[in-house]
Amino acid sequence: FVKRARKAEFTACNLSLEEGEYVVDFETKKVGTSAILTNMLGDVALLVTSEEDGNKEAGEKVTVLLLN
């Protein structure tokens, strides 16, 4: 995940449960403001990054907001 701004961000991500842990990815997600609503379809969550956070690497623990 590449952080795009120095502000706090909420980024739509895919959410799945694998071996008792939630896993997020961005495989079908598009970049840009025109994709915001499309990115919210399906089993999604919001990845939360603060002003102090930088890019995230695969396997790194992150904060997410679960949406129902």
C-alpha atoms as a PDB file:
ATOM      1  CA  PHE A   1       0.000   0.000   0.000  1.00  0.00           C
ATOM      2  CA  VAL A   2       1.391   3.363  -1.012  1.00  0.00           C
ATOM      3  CA  LYS A   3       0.277   6.241   1.191  1.00  0.00           C
ATOM      4  CA  ARG A   4      -0.699   9.132  -1.041  1.00  0.00           C
ATOM      5  CA  ALA A   5      -0.909  12.081   1.369  1.00  0.00           C
ATOM      6  CA  ARG A   6       0.544  13.297   4.658  1.00  0.00           C
ATOM      7  CA  LYS A   7      -2.973  13.512   6.106  1.00  0.00           C
ATOM      8  CA  ALA A   8      -4.978  10.795   7.818  1.00  0.00           C
ATOM      9  CA  GLU A   9      -6.508   8.578   5.119  1.00  0.00           C
ATOM     10  CA  PHE A  10      -9.338   6.059   4.898  1.00  0.00           C
ATOM     11  CA  THR A  11      -8.808   3.732   1.933  1.00  0.00           C
ATOM     12  CA  ALA A  12     -11.272   1.071   0.747  1.00  0.00           C
ATOM     13  CA  CYS A  13      -9.761  -2.412   0.768  1.00  0.00           C
ATOM     14  CA  ASN A  14     -10.939  -5.986   0.227  1.00  0.00           C
ATOM     15  CA  LEU A  15     -11.440  -7.944   3.434  1.00  0.00           C
ATOM     16  CA  SER A  16     -11.269 -11.702   3.956  1.00  0.00           C
ATOM     17  CA  LEU A  17     -10.872 -14.057   6.907  1.00  0.00           C
ATOM     18  CA  GLU A  18      -8.007 -16.533   6.492  1.00  0.00           C
ATOM     19  CA  GLU A  19      -6.970 -18.979   9.214  1.00  0.00           C
ATOM     20  CA  GLY A  20      -8.580 -16.849  11.925  1.00  0.00           C
ATOM     21  CA  GLU A  21      -7.029 -13.546  10.821  1.00  0.00           C
ATOM     22  CA  TYR A  22      -8.489 -10.734   8.789  1.00  0.00           C
ATOM     23  CA  VAL A  23      -6.517 -10.088   5.616  1.00  0.00           C
ATOM     24  CA  VAL A  24      -6.796  -6.984   3.444  1.00  0.00           C
ATOM     25  CA  ASP A  25      -5.720  -6.408  -0.134  1.00  0.00           C
ATOM     26  CA  PHE A  26      -6.323  -3.925  -2.931  1.00  0.00           C
ATOM     27  CA  GLU A  27      -6.453  -6.311  -5.927  1.00  0.00           C
ATOM     28  CA  THR A  28      -9.694  -5.036  -7.483  1.00  0.00           C
ATOM     29  CA  LYS A  29      -9.516  -1.491  -6.134  1.00  0.00           C
ATOM     30  CA  LYS A  30      -8.980   1.471  -8.407  1.00  0.00           C
ATOM     31  CA  VAL A  31      -7.096   4.662  -7.580  1.00  0.00           C
ATOM     32  CA  GLY A  32      -8.678   8.089  -7.829  1.00  0.00           C
ATOM     33  CA  THR A  33     -11.662   9.985  -6.553  1.00  0.00           C
ATOM     34  CA  SER A  34     -13.985   8.730  -9.305  1.00  0.00           C
ATOM     35  CA  ALA A  35     -13.582   5.161  -7.971  1.00  0.00           C
ATOM     36  CA  ILE A  36     -14.648   5.860  -4.375  1.00  0.00           C
ATOM     37  CA  LEU A  37     -18.165   4.393  -4.622  1.00  0.00           C
ATOM     38  CA  THR A  38     -17.108   1.485  -6.849  1.00  0.00           C
ATOM     39  CA  ASN A  39     -14.387   0.566  -4.349  1.00  0.00           C
ATOM     40  CA  MET A  40     -17.010   0.275  -1.587  1.00  0.00           C
ATOM     41  CA  LEU A  41     -18.805  -2.679  -3.251  1.00  0.00           C
ATOM     42  CA  GLY A  42     -18.440  -6.217  -1.880  1.00  0.00           C
ATOM     43  CA  ASP A  43     -16.726  -7.358   1.307  1.00  0.00           C
ATOM     44  CA  VAL A  44     -14.822  -4.191   2.085  1.00  0.00           C
ATOM     45  CA  ALA A  45     -13.286  -2.387   5.009  1.00  0.00           C
ATOM     46  CA  LEU A  46     -11.496   0.926   5.337  1.00  0.00           C
ATOM     47  CA  LEU A  47      -7.747   0.891   5.913  1.00  0.00           C
ATOM     48  CA  VAL A  48      -6.923   3.698   8.347  1.00  0.00           C
ATOM     49  CA  THR A  49      -3.579   5.478   8.143  1.00  0.00           C
ATOM     50  CA  SER A  50      -2.587   8.405  10.329  1.00  0.00           C
ATOM     51  CA  GLU A  51      -0.554  11.473   9.504  1.00  0.00           C
ATOM     52  CA  GLU A  52       2.544   9.722  10.896  1.00  0.00           C
ATOM     53  CA  ASP A  53       2.119   6.489   8.891  1.00  0.00           C
ATOM     54  CA  GLY A  54       4.029   5.743   5.729  1.00  0.00           C
ATOM     55  CA  ASN A  55       3.695   3.038   3.081  1.00  0.00           C
ATOM     56  CA  LYS A  56       2.615  -0.426   4.243  1.00  0.00           C
ATOM     57  CA  GLU A  57       4.351  -3.653   3.259  1.00  0.00           C
ATOM     58  CA  ALA A  58       2.682  -7.016   2.594  1.00  0.00           C
ATOM     59  CA  GLY A  59       2.167  -8.886   5.874  1.00  0.00           C
ATOM     60  CA  GLU A  60       2.282  -5.747   8.013  1.00  0.00           C
ATOM     61  CA  LYS A  61      -0.447  -5.310  10.641  1.00  0.00           C
ATOM     62  CA  VAL A  62      -2.780  -2.399   9.907  1.00  0.00           C
ATOM     63  CA  THR A  63      -5.832  -0.708  11.399  1.00  0.00           C
ATOM     64  CA  VAL A  64      -9.140  -1.226   9.592  1.00  0.00           C
ATOM     65  CA  LEU A  65     -12.735  -0.168  10.118  1.00  0.00           C
ATOM     66  CA  LEU A  66     -15.120  -3.051   9.437  1.00  0.00           C
ATOM     67  CA  LEU A  67     -18.224  -2.100   7.464  1.00  0.00           C
ATOM     68  CA  ASN A  68     -21.479  -4.069   7.492  1.00  0.00           C
END
